[in-house]
Amino acid sequence: MSDFVVDCLEPRGYAVQATGSAASLSRLEVGDIDLVLLDMGWPESDGLDLCMRLRSVPTAAHVPIVALTDFAEETRDVLAFGLGPDEYLTKPFVLEQLLDAVARHCPID
């Protein structure tokens, strides 16, 4: 999934850093991240737990999170209770949905 996202966003002018490690989220503490695309089925961590961890980082609490999920009903519940992501895309999604979500939260000047 990360290769797909990189291949779709970089040619459109976005600087993308794909990661497969929760440890690399330390970049959020520096405050140089504009958007997080988070696969809720991340093998290393529970997606909801990771959202809450991201929201607890003071320098990153404002960073938009777009959750990518296989479970539409579960994600709606997460959004309804305000537990993390700003919006979600249910997999499989089409490229235009991804581009629209990214542009809403991180427009290119």
PDB file of N, CA and C in Angstrom:
ATOM      1  N   MET A   1       0.824  -1.183   0.000  1.00  0.00           N
ATOM      2  CA  MET A   1       0.000   0.000   0.000  1.00  0.00           C
ATOM      3  C   MET A   1       0.873   1.253   0.000  1.00  0.00           C
ATOM      4  N   SER A   2       1.967   1.224   0.750  1.00  0.00           N
ATOM      5  CA  SER A   2       2.811   2.422   0.821  1.00  0.00           C
ATOM      6  C   SER A   2       3.433   2.755  -0.524  1.00  0.00           C
ATOM      7  N   ASP A   3       3.831   1.744  -1.289  1.00  0.00           N
ATOM      8  CA  ASP A   3       4.385   2.007  -2.624  1.00  0.00           C
ATOM      9  C   ASP A   3       3.346   2.661  -3.525  1.00  0.00           C
ATOM     10  N   PHE A   4       2.116   2.204  -3.442  1.00  0.00           N
ATOM     11  CA  PHE A   4       1.022   2.776  -4.226  1.00  0.00           C
ATOM     12  C   PHE A   4       0.836   4.253  -3.881  1.00  0.00           C
ATOM     13  N   VAL A   5       0.817   4.566  -2.591  1.00  0.00           N
ATOM     14  CA  VAL A   5       0.625   5.946  -2.141  1.00  0.00           C
ATOM     15  C   VAL A   5       1.772   6.829  -2.625  1.00  0.00           C
ATOM     16  N   VAL A   6       2.987   6.369  -2.473  1.00  0.00           N
ATOM     17  CA  VAL A   6       4.155   7.138  -2.930  1.00  0.00           C
ATOM     18  C   VAL A   6       4.067   7.372  -4.433  1.00  0.00           C
ATOM     19  N   ASP A   7       3.783   6.318  -5.185  1.00  0.00           N
ATOM     20  CA  ASP A   7       3.706   6.421  -6.642  1.00  0.00           C
ATOM     21  C   ASP A   7       2.603   7.373  -7.101  1.00  0.00           C
ATOM     22  N   CYS A   8       1.552   7.497  -6.326  1.00  0.00           N
ATOM     23  CA  CYS A   8       0.440   8.381  -6.691  1.00  0.00           C
ATOM     24  C   CYS A   8       0.677   9.834  -6.286  1.00  0.00           C
ATOM     25  N   LEU A   9       1.312  10.058  -5.159  1.00  0.00           N
ATOM     26  CA  LEU A   9       1.420  11.414  -4.620  1.00  0.00           C
ATOM     27  C   LEU A   9       2.680  12.160  -5.041  1.00  0.00           C
ATOM     28  N   GLU A  10       3.809  11.483  -5.116  1.00  0.00           N
ATOM     29  CA  GLU A  10       5.052  12.190  -5.462  1.00  0.00           C
ATOM     30  C   GLU A  10       4.999  12.874  -6.826  1.00  0.00           C
ATOM     31  N   PRO A  11       4.462  12.245  -7.877  1.00  0.00           N
ATOM     32  CA  PRO A  11       4.407  12.931  -9.171  1.00  0.00           C
ATOM     33  C   PRO A  11       3.505  14.176  -9.154  1.00  0.00           C
ATOM     34  N   ARG A  12       2.669  14.281  -8.149  1.00  0.00           N
ATOM     35  CA  ARG A  12       1.768  15.427  -8.036  1.00  0.00           C
ATOM     36  C   ARG A  12       2.334  16.518  -7.130  1.00  0.00           C
ATOM     37  N   GLY A  13       3.597  16.369  -6.745  1.00  0.00           N
ATOM     38  CA  GLY A  13       4.274  17.415  -5.996  1.00  0.00           C
ATOM     39  C   GLY A  13       4.323  17.239  -4.488  1.00  0.00           C
ATOM     40  N   TYR A  14       3.824  16.136  -3.988  1.00  0.00           N
ATOM     41  CA  TYR A  14       3.865  15.894  -2.546  1.00  0.00           C
ATOM     42  C   TYR A  14       5.171  15.205  -2.169  1.00  0.00           C
ATOM     43  N   ALA A  15       5.757  15.615  -1.073  1.00  0.00           N
ATOM     44  CA  ALA A  15       6.914  14.920  -0.519  1.00  0.00           C
ATOM     45  C   ALA A  15       6.357  13.855   0.418  1.00  0.00           C
ATOM     46  N   VAL A  16       6.676  12.611   0.138  1.00  0.00           N
ATOM     47  CA  VAL A  16       6.086  11.500   0.873  1.00  0.00           C
ATOM     48  C   VAL A  16       7.173  10.694   1.551  1.00  0.00           C
ATOM     49  N   GLN A  17       6.937  10.373   2.820  1.00  0.00           N
ATOM     50  CA  GLN A  17       7.820   9.455   3.519  1.00  0.00           C
ATOM     51  C   GLN A  17       6.969   8.279   3.960  1.00  0.00           C
ATOM     52  N   ALA A  18       7.198   7.144   3.373  1.00  0.00           N
ATOM     53  CA  ALA A  18       6.479   5.932   3.752  1.00  0.00           C
ATOM     54  C   ALA A  18       7.238   5.260   4.882  1.00  0.00           C
ATOM     55  N   THR A  19       6.485   4.744   5.833  1.00  0.00           N
ATOM     56  CA  THR A  19       7.117   4.073   6.953  1.00  0.00           C
ATOM     57  C   THR A  19       6.313   2.848   7.340  1.00  0.00           C
ATOM     58  N   GLY A  20       6.974   1.907   7.873  1.00  0.00           N
ATOM     59  CA  GLY A  20       6.315   0.704   8.358  1.00  0.00           C
ATOM     60  C   GLY A  20       6.628   0.486   9.823  1.00  0.00           C
ATOM     61  N   SER A  21       7.054   1.534  10.484  1.00  0.00           N
ATOM     62  CA  SER A  21       7.489   1.390  11.866  1.00  0.00           C
ATOM     63  C   SER A  21       6.918   2.496  12.736  1.00  0.00           C
ATOM     64  N   ALA A  22       6.314   2.114  13.835  1.00  0.00           N
ATOM     65  CA  ALA A  22       5.794   3.105  14.773  1.00  0.00           C
ATOM     66  C   ALA A  22       6.932   3.944  15.350  1.00  0.00           C
ATOM     67  N   ALA A  23       8.131   3.390  15.417  1.00  0.00           N
ATOM     68  CA  ALA A  23       9.269   4.134  15.957  1.00  0.00           C
ATOM     69  C   ALA A  23       9.588   5.360  15.107  1.00  0.00           C
ATOM     70  N   SER A  24       9.344   5.280  13.812  1.00  0.00           N
ATOM     71  CA  SER A  24       9.653   6.416  12.941  1.00  0.00           C
ATOM     72  C   SER A  24       8.685   7.577  13.135  1.00  0.00           C
ATOM     73  N   LEU A  25       7.672   7.380  13.931  1.00  0.00           N
ATOM     74  CA  LEU A  25       6.721   8.457  14.196  1.00  0.00           C
ATOM     75  C   LEU A  25       7.336   9.568  15.044  1.00  0.00           C
ATOM     76  N   SER A  26       8.544   9.381  15.478  1.00  0.00           N
ATOM     77  CA  SER A  26       9.220  10.424  16.250  1.00  0.00           C
ATOM     78  C   SER A  26       9.380  11.705  15.442  1.00  0.00           C
ATOM     79  N   ARG A  27       9.306  11.606  14.111  1.00  0.00           N
ATOM     80  CA  ARG A  27       9.367  12.817  13.273  1.00  0.00           C
ATOM     81  C   ARG A  27       8.239  13.771  13.617  1.00  0.00           C
ATOM     82  N   LEU A  28       7.143  13.244  14.104  1.00  0.00           N
ATOM     83  CA  LEU A  28       6.019  14.096  14.477  1.00  0.00           C
ATOM     84  C   LEU A  28       6.382  15.042  15.613  1.00  0.00           C
ATOM     85  N   GLU A  29       7.297  14.624  16.463  1.00  0.00           N
ATOM     86  CA  GLU A  29       7.715  15.477  17.572  1.00  0.00           C
ATOM     87  C   GLU A  29       8.471  16.694  17.078  1.00  0.00           C
ATOM     88  N   VAL A  30       9.076  16.590  15.909  1.00  0.00           N
ATOM     89  CA  VAL A  30       9.804  17.714  15.324  1.00  0.00           C
ATOM     90  C   VAL A  30       8.832  18.708  14.707  1.00  0.00           C
ATOM     91  N   GLY A  31       7.668  18.223  14.295  1.00  0.00           N
ATOM     92  CA  GLY A  31       6.650  19.096  13.750  1.00  0.00           C
ATOM     93  C   GLY A  31       6.767  19.361  12.266  1.00  0.00           C
ATOM     94  N   ASP A  32       7.420  18.475  11.503  1.00  0.00           N
ATOM     95  CA  ASP A  32       7.589  18.719  10.074  1.00  0.00           C
ATOM     96  C   ASP A  32       6.718  17.803   9.212  1.00  0.00           C
ATOM     97  N   ILE A  33       5.619  17.315   9.758  1.00  0.00           N
ATOM     98  CA  ILE A  33       4.681  16.466   9.039  1.00  0.00           C
ATOM     99  C   ILE A  33       3.393  17.254   8.827  1.00  0.00           C
ATOM    100  N   ASP A  34       2.860  17.212   7.596  1.00  0.00           N
ATOM    101  CA  ASP A  34       1.637  17.944   7.279  1.00  0.00           C
ATOM    102  C   ASP A  34       0.398  17.065   7.264  1.00  0.00           C
ATOM    103  N   LEU A  35       0.577  15.763   7.083  1.00  0.00           N
ATOM    104  CA  LEU A  35      -0.550  14.845   6.958  1.00  0.00           C
ATOM    105  C   LEU A  35      -0.068  13.432   7.229  1.00  0.00           C
ATOM    106  N   VAL A  36      -0.912  12.641   7.877  1.00  0.00           N
ATOM    107  CA  VAL A  36      -0.614  11.229   8.098  1.00  0.00           C
ATOM    108  C   VAL A  36      -1.680  10.408   7.387  1.00  0.00           C
ATOM    109  N   LEU A  37      -1.253   9.538   6.495  1.00  0.00           N
ATOM    110  CA  LEU A  37      -2.120   8.523   5.898  1.00  0.00           C
ATOM    111  C   LEU A  37      -1.829   7.243   6.666  1.00  0.00           C
ATOM    112  N   LEU A  38      -2.815   6.754   7.374  1.00  0.00           N
ATOM    113  CA  LEU A  38      -2.594   5.635   8.288  1.00  0.00           C
ATOM    114  C   LEU A  38      -3.450   4.445   7.908  1.00  0.00           C
ATOM    115  N   ASP A  39      -2.802   3.344   7.606  1.00  0.00           N
ATOM    116  CA  ASP A  39      -3.521   2.098   7.364  1.00  0.00           C
ATOM    117  C   ASP A  39      -3.936   1.552   8.731  1.00  0.00           C
ATOM    118  N   MET A  40      -5.236   1.496   8.979  1.00  0.00           N
ATOM    119  CA  MET A  40      -5.729   1.065  10.290  1.00  0.00           C
ATOM    120  C   MET A  40      -5.398  -0.400  10.561  1.00  0.00           C
ATOM    121  N   GLY A  41      -5.078  -1.153   9.527  1.00  0.00           N
ATOM    122  CA  GLY A  41      -4.703  -2.550   9.699  1.00  0.00           C
ATOM    123  C   GLY A  41      -3.207  -2.739   9.744  1.00  0.00           C
ATOM    124  N   TRP A  42      -2.489  -1.724  10.189  1.00  0.00           N
ATOM    125  CA  TRP A  42      -1.030  -1.770  10.255  1.00  0.00           C
ATOM    126  C   TRP A  42      -0.590  -2.983  11.042  1.00  0.00           C
ATOM    127  N   PRO A  43       0.276  -3.814  10.478  1.00  0.00           N
ATOM    128  CA  PRO A  43       0.638  -5.061  11.155  1.00  0.00           C
ATOM    129  C   PRO A  43       1.369  -4.859  12.478  1.00  0.00           C
ATOM    130  N   GLU A  44       2.055  -3.738  12.631  1.00  0.00           N
ATOM    131  CA  GLU A  44       2.877  -3.540  13.826  1.00  0.00           C
ATOM    132  C   GLU A  44       2.085  -2.960  15.006  1.00  0.00           C
ATOM    133  N   SER A  45       0.925  -2.368  14.734  1.00  0.00           N
ATOM    134  CA  SER A  45       0.199  -1.682  15.795  1.00  0.00           C
ATOM    135  C   SER A  45      -1.274  -1.608  15.447  1.00  0.00           C
ATOM    136  N   ASP A  46      -2.114  -1.556  16.445  1.00  0.00           N
ATOM    137  CA  ASP A  46      -3.529  -1.333  16.246  1.00  0.00           C
ATOM    138  C   ASP A  46      -3.726   0.100  15.741  1.00  0.00           C
ATOM    139  N   GLY A  47      -4.463   0.267  14.644  1.00  0.00           N
ATOM    140  CA  GLY A  47      -4.634   1.580  14.035  1.00  0.00           C
ATOM    141  C   GLY A  47      -5.258   2.598  14.964  1.00  0.00           C
ATOM    142  N   LEU A  48      -6.266   2.199  15.736  1.00  0.00           N
ATOM    143  CA  LEU A  48      -6.913   3.114  16.664  1.00  0.00           C
ATOM    144  C   LEU A  48      -5.948   3.549  17.755  1.00  0.00           C
ATOM    145  N   ASP A  49      -5.196   2.606  18.280  1.00  0.00           N
ATOM    146  CA  ASP A  49      -4.190   2.933  19.293  1.00  0.00           C
ATOM    147  C   ASP A  49      -3.168   3.913  18.730  1.00  0.00           C
ATOM    148  N   LEU A  50      -2.742   3.686  17.506  1.00  0.00           N
ATOM    149  CA  LEU A  50      -1.765   4.571  16.877  1.00  0.00           C
ATOM    150  C   LEU A  50      -2.342   5.972  16.680  1.00  0.00           C
ATOM    151  N   CYS A  51      -3.610   6.065  16.278  1.00  0.00           N
ATOM    152  CA  CYS A  51      -4.260   7.381  16.154  1.00  0.00           C
ATOM    153  C   CYS A  51      -4.219   8.133  17.477  1.00  0.00           C
ATOM    154  N   MET A  52      -4.564   7.439  18.533  1.00  0.00           N
ATOM    155  CA  MET A  52      -4.571   8.079  19.846  1.00  0.00           C
ATOM    156  C   MET A  52      -3.169   8.493  20.267  1.00  0.00           C
ATOM    157  N   ARG A  53      -2.172   7.677  19.945  1.00  0.00           N
ATOM    158  CA  ARG A  53      -0.782   8.044  20.246  1.00  0.00           C
ATOM    159  C   ARG A  53      -0.373   9.283  19.463  1.00  0.00           C
ATOM    160  N   LEU A  54      -0.758   9.343  18.193  1.00  0.00           N
ATOM    161  CA  LEU A  54      -0.440  10.521  17.382  1.00  0.00           C
ATOM    162  C   LEU A  54      -1.073  11.771  17.978  1.00  0.00           C
ATOM    163  N   ARG A  55      -2.307  11.651  18.412  1.00  0.00           N
ATOM    164  CA  ARG A  55      -3.022  12.803  18.978  1.00  0.00           C
ATOM    165  C   ARG A  55      -2.431  13.247  20.317  1.00  0.00           C
ATOM    166  N   SER A  56      -1.680  12.373  20.959  1.00  0.00           N
ATOM    167  CA  SER A  56      -1.100  12.728  22.256  1.00  0.00           C
ATOM    168  C   SER A  56       0.239  13.449  22.136  1.00  0.00           C
ATOM    169  N   VAL A  57       0.805  13.506  20.924  1.00  0.00           N
ATOM    170  CA  VAL A  57       2.070  14.212  20.707  1.00  0.00           C
ATOM    171  C   VAL A  57       1.740  15.695  20.531  1.00  0.00           C
ATOM    172  N   PRO A  58       2.157  16.558  21.472  1.00  0.00           N
ATOM    173  CA  PRO A  58       1.760  17.973  21.422  1.00  0.00           C
ATOM    174  C   PRO A  58       2.046  18.672  20.093  1.00  0.00           C
ATOM    175  N   THR A  59       3.182  18.387  19.489  1.00  0.00           N
ATOM    176  CA  THR A  59       3.523  19.064  18.234  1.00  0.00           C
ATOM    177  C   THR A  59       2.782  18.470  17.043  1.00  0.00           C
ATOM    178  N   ALA A  60       2.065  17.372  17.246  1.00  0.00           N
ATOM    179  CA  ALA A  60       1.383  16.711  16.134  1.00  0.00           C
ATOM    180  C   ALA A  60      -0.120  16.612  16.315  1.00  0.00           C
ATOM    181  N   ALA A  61      -0.639  17.093  17.424  1.00  0.00           N
ATOM    182  CA  ALA A  61      -2.066  16.945  17.703  1.00  0.00           C
ATOM    183  C   ALA A  61      -2.938  17.560  16.614  1.00  0.00           C
ATOM    184  N   HIS A  62      -2.414  18.561  15.927  1.00  0.00           N
ATOM    185  CA  HIS A  62      -3.179  19.249  14.872  1.00  0.00           C
ATOM    186  C   HIS A  62      -3.025  18.604  13.498  1.00  0.00           C
ATOM    187  N   VAL A  63      -2.115  17.667  13.341  1.00  0.00           N
ATOM    188  CA  VAL A  63      -1.832  17.062  12.038  1.00  0.00           C
ATOM    189  C   VAL A  63      -3.018  16.199  11.616  1.00  0.00           C
ATOM    190  N   PRO A  64      -3.564  16.455  10.431  1.00  0.00           N
ATOM    191  CA  PRO A  64      -4.687  15.641   9.963  1.00  0.00           C
ATOM    192  C   PRO A  64      -4.274  14.196   9.744  1.00  0.00           C
ATOM    193  N   ILE A  65      -5.190  13.299  10.084  1.00  0.00           N
ATOM    194  CA  ILE A  65      -4.981  11.872   9.874  1.00  0.00           C
ATOM    195  C   ILE A  65      -6.097  11.365   8.961  1.00  0.00           C
ATOM    196  N   VAL A  66      -5.689  10.768   7.850  1.00  0.00           N
ATOM    197  CA  VAL A  66      -6.634  10.099   6.959  1.00  0.00           C
ATOM    198  C   VAL A  66      -6.402   8.608   7.138  1.00  0.00           C
ATOM    199  N   ALA A  67      -7.411   7.928   7.653  1.00  0.00           N
ATOM    200  CA  ALA A  67      -7.300   6.497   7.920  1.00  0.00           C
ATOM    201  C   ALA A  67      -7.723   5.704   6.693  1.00  0.00           C
ATOM    202  N   LEU A  68      -6.943   4.686   6.381  1.00  0.00           N
ATOM    203  CA  LEU A  68      -7.256   3.754   5.300  1.00  0.00           C
ATOM    204  C   LEU A  68      -7.680   2.454   5.971  1.00  0.00           C
ATOM    205  N   THR A  69      -8.876   1.974   5.671  1.00  0.00           N
ATOM    206  CA  THR A  69      -9.391   0.830   6.399  1.00  0.00           C
ATOM    207  C   THR A  69     -10.171  -0.124   5.519  1.00  0.00           C
ATOM    208  N   ASP A  70     -10.233  -1.354   5.961  1.00  0.00           N
ATOM    209  CA  ASP A  70     -11.063  -2.369   5.316  1.00  0.00           C
ATOM    210  C   ASP A  70     -12.448  -2.417   5.956  1.00  0.00           C
ATOM    211  N   PHE A  71     -12.611  -1.735   7.066  1.00  0.00           N
ATOM    212  CA  PHE A  71     -13.811  -1.885   7.877  1.00  0.00           C
ATOM    213  C   PHE A  71     -14.568  -0.564   8.005  1.00  0.00           C
ATOM    214  N   ALA A  72     -15.501  -0.325   7.109  1.00  0.00           N
ATOM    215  CA  ALA A  72     -16.240   0.938   7.080  1.00  0.00           C
ATOM    216  C   ALA A  72     -17.019   1.165   8.372  1.00  0.00           C
ATOM    217  N   GLU A  73     -17.706   0.165   8.875  1.00  0.00           N
ATOM    218  CA  GLU A  73     -18.516   0.359  10.076  1.00  0.00           C
ATOM    219  C   GLU A  73     -17.657   0.684  11.284  1.00  0.00           C
ATOM    220  N   GLU A  74     -16.554  -0.025  11.449  1.00  0.00           N
ATOM    221  CA  GLU A  74     -15.651   0.220  12.572  1.00  0.00           C
ATOM    222  C   GLU A  74     -15.105   1.644  12.519  1.00  0.00           C
ATOM    223  N   THR A  75     -14.718   2.091  11.331  1.00  0.00           N
ATOM    224  CA  THR A  75     -14.134   3.417  11.202  1.00  0.00           C
ATOM    225  C   THR A  75     -15.172   4.487  11.452  1.00  0.00           C
ATOM    226  N   ARG A  76     -16.397   4.269  11.048  1.00  0.00           N
ATOM    227  CA  ARG A  76     -17.454   5.238  11.351  1.00  0.00           C
ATOM    228  C   ARG A  76     -17.605   5.395  12.860  1.00  0.00           C
ATOM    229  N   ASP A  77     -17.524   4.288  13.588  1.00  0.00           N
ATOM    230  CA  ASP A  77     -17.602   4.360  15.043  1.00  0.00           C
ATOM    231  C   ASP A  77     -16.441   5.160  15.606  1.00  0.00           C
ATOM    232  N   VAL A  78     -15.241   4.941  15.074  1.00  0.00           N
ATOM    233  CA  VAL A  78     -14.066   5.679  15.526  1.00  0.00           C
ATOM    234  C   VAL A  78     -14.279   7.173  15.305  1.00  0.00           C
ATOM    235  N   LEU A  79     -14.767   7.551  14.121  1.00  0.00           N
ATOM    236  CA  LEU A  79     -15.018   8.963  13.830  1.00  0.00           C
ATOM    237  C   LEU A  79     -16.105   9.521  14.728  1.00  0.00           C
ATOM    238  N   ALA A  80     -17.162   8.754  14.950  1.00  0.00           N
ATOM    239  CA  ALA A  80     -18.285   9.226  15.755  1.00  0.00           C
ATOM    240  C   ALA A  80     -17.856   9.554  17.177  1.00  0.00           C
ATOM    241  N   PHE A  81     -16.912   8.819  17.695  1.00  0.00           N
ATOM    242  CA  PHE A  81     -16.463   9.053  19.057  1.00  0.00           C
ATOM    243  C   PHE A  81     -15.245   9.963  19.136  1.00  0.00           C
ATOM    244  N   GLY A  82     -14.822  10.511  18.011  1.00  0.00           N
ATOM    245  CA  GLY A  82     -13.710  11.455  18.002  1.00  0.00           C
ATOM    246  C   GLY A  82     -12.402  10.865  18.473  1.00  0.00           C
ATOM    247  N   LEU A  83     -12.099   9.655  18.090  1.00  0.00           N
ATOM    248  CA  LEU A  83     -10.923   8.973  18.608  1.00  0.00           C
ATOM    249  C   LEU A  83      -9.660   9.130  17.788  1.00  0.00           C
ATOM    250  N   GLY A  84      -9.677   9.923  16.766  1.00  0.00           N
ATOM    251  CA  GLY A  84      -8.415  10.043  16.049  1.00  0.00           C
ATOM    252  C   GLY A  84      -8.462  10.588  14.654  1.00  0.00           C
ATOM    253  N   PRO A  85      -8.833   9.774  13.664  1.00  0.00           N
ATOM    254  CA  PRO A  85      -8.702  10.227  12.282  1.00  0.00           C
ATOM    255  C   PRO A  85      -9.678  11.343  11.937  1.00  0.00           C
ATOM    256  N   ASP A  86      -9.245  12.204  11.027  1.00  0.00           N
ATOM    257  CA  ASP A  86     -10.099  13.287  10.563  1.00  0.00           C
ATOM    258  C   ASP A  86     -11.071  12.793   9.501  1.00  0.00           C
ATOM    259  N   GLU A  87     -10.670  11.800   8.760  1.00  0.00           N
ATOM    260  CA  GLU A  87     -11.546  11.143   7.795  1.00  0.00           C
ATOM    261  C   GLU A  87     -10.959   9.791   7.460  1.00  0.00           C
ATOM    262  N   TYR A  88     -11.708   9.031   6.688  1.00  0.00           N
ATOM    263  CA  TYR A  88     -11.230   7.709   6.331  1.00  0.00           C
ATOM    264  C   TYR A  88     -11.576   7.396   4.885  1.00  0.00           C
ATOM    265  N   LEU A  89     -10.834   6.472   4.339  1.00  0.00           N
ATOM    266  CA  LEU A  89     -11.108   5.892   3.029  1.00  0.00           C
ATOM    267  C   LEU A  89     -11.228   4.391   3.241  1.00  0.00           C
ATOM    268  N   THR A  90     -12.299   3.828   2.745  1.00  0.00           N
ATOM    269  CA  THR A  90     -12.497   2.387   2.860  1.00  0.00           C
ATOM    270  C   THR A  90     -11.856   1.699   1.667  1.00  0.00           C
ATOM    271  N   LYS A  91     -10.997   0.715   1.942  1.00  0.00           N
ATOM    272  CA  LYS A  91     -10.339  -0.042   0.893  1.00  0.00           C
ATOM    273  C   LYS A  91     -11.295  -1.088   0.341  1.00  0.00           C
ATOM    274  N   PRO A  92     -11.300  -1.325  -0.937  1.00  0.00           N
ATOM    275  CA  PRO A  92     -10.475  -0.641  -1.930  1.00  0.00           C
ATOM    276  C   PRO A  92     -11.072   0.728  -2.269  1.00  0.00           C
ATOM    277  N   PHE A  93     -10.210   1.695  -2.461  1.00  0.00           N
ATOM    278  CA  PHE A  93     -10.651   3.024  -2.857  1.00  0.00           C
ATOM    279  C   PHE A  93     -10.051   3.336  -4.217  1.00  0.00           C
ATOM    280  N   VAL A  94     -10.623   4.328  -4.879  1.00  0.00           N
ATOM    281  CA  VAL A  94     -10.085   4.713  -6.178  1.00  0.00           C
ATOM    282  C   VAL A  94      -9.102   5.860  -5.977  1.00  0.00           C
ATOM    283  N   LEU A  95      -8.203   6.004  -6.900  1.00  0.00           N
ATOM    284  CA  LEU A  95      -7.151   7.010  -6.811  1.00  0.00           C
ATOM    285  C   LEU A  95      -7.710   8.403  -6.546  1.00  0.00           C
ATOM    286  N   GLU A  96      -8.784   8.765  -7.196  1.00  0.00           N
ATOM    287  CA  GLU A  96      -9.358  10.113  -7.023  1.00  0.00           C
ATOM    288  C   GLU A  96      -9.778  10.359  -5.578  1.00  0.00           C
ATOM    289  N   GLN A  97     -10.260   9.339  -4.898  1.00  0.00           N
ATOM    290  CA  GLN A  97     -10.632   9.491  -3.490  1.00  0.00           C
ATOM    291  C   GLN A  97      -9.406   9.823  -2.645  1.00  0.00           C
ATOM    292  N   LEU A  98      -8.325   9.134  -2.901  1.00  0.00           N
ATOM    293  CA  LEU A  98      -7.082   9.400  -2.172  1.00  0.00           C
ATOM    294  C   LEU A  98      -6.592  10.815  -2.445  1.00  0.00           C
ATOM    295  N   LEU A  99      -6.553  11.191  -3.706  1.00  0.00           N
ATOM    296  CA  LEU A  99      -6.072  12.529  -4.070  1.00  0.00           C
ATOM    297  C   LEU A  99      -6.950  13.621  -3.476  1.00  0.00           C
ATOM    298  N   ASP A 100      -8.256  13.428  -3.496  1.00  0.00           N
ATOM    299  CA  ASP A 100      -9.172  14.417  -2.918  1.00  0.00           C
ATOM    300  C   ASP A 100      -8.954  14.561  -1.411  1.00  0.00           C
ATOM    301  N   ALA A 101      -8.809  13.440  -0.726  1.00  0.00           N
ATOM    302  CA  ALA A 101      -8.606  13.484   0.727  1.00  0.00           C
ATOM    303  C   ALA A 101      -7.302  14.196   1.073  1.00  0.00           C
ATOM    304  N   VAL A 102      -6.249  13.882   0.344  1.00  0.00           N
ATOM    305  CA  VAL A 102      -4.962  14.524   0.605  1.00  0.00           C
ATOM    306  C   VAL A 102      -5.048  16.022   0.311  1.00  0.00           C
ATOM    307  N   ALA A 103      -5.667  16.386  -0.784  1.00  0.00           N
ATOM    308  CA  ALA A 103      -5.783  17.804  -1.162  1.00  0.00           C
ATOM    309  C   ALA A 103      -6.618  18.591  -0.161  1.00  0.00           C
ATOM    310  N   ARG A 104      -7.641  17.975   0.417  1.00  0.00           N
ATOM    311  CA  ARG A 104      -8.469  18.659   1.418  1.00  0.00           C
ATOM    312  C   ARG A 104      -7.657  19.050   2.646  1.00  0.00           C
ATOM    313  N   HIS A 105      -6.754  18.188   3.045  1.00  0.00           N
ATOM    314  CA  HIS A 105      -5.999  18.413   4.277  1.00  0.00           C
ATOM    315  C   HIS A 105      -4.617  18.988   4.053  1.00  0.00           C
ATOM    316  N   CYS A 106      -4.112  18.870   2.840  1.00  0.00           N
ATOM    317  CA  CYS A 106      -2.735  19.282   2.565  1.00  0.00           C
ATOM    318  C   CYS A 106      -2.638  19.821   1.131  1.00  0.00           C
ATOM    319  N   PRO A 107      -3.272  20.954   0.857  1.00  0.00           N
ATOM    320  CA  PRO A 107      -3.247  21.470  -0.512  1.00  0.00           C
ATOM    321  C   PRO A 107      -1.841  21.904  -0.915  1.00  0.00           C
ATOM    322  N   ILE A 108      -1.545  21.700  -2.187  1.00  0.00           N
ATOM    323  CA  ILE A 108      -0.274  22.166  -2.732  1.00  0.00           C
ATOM    324  C   ILE A 108      -0.486  23.593  -3.237  1.00  0.00           C
ATOM    325  N   ASP A 109       0.421  24.481  -2.860  1.00  0.00           N
ATOM    326  CA  ASP A 109       0.290  25.885  -3.282  1.00  0.00           C
ATOM    327  C   ASP A 109       0.514  26.046  -4.757  1.00  0.00           C
TER     328      ASP A 109
END
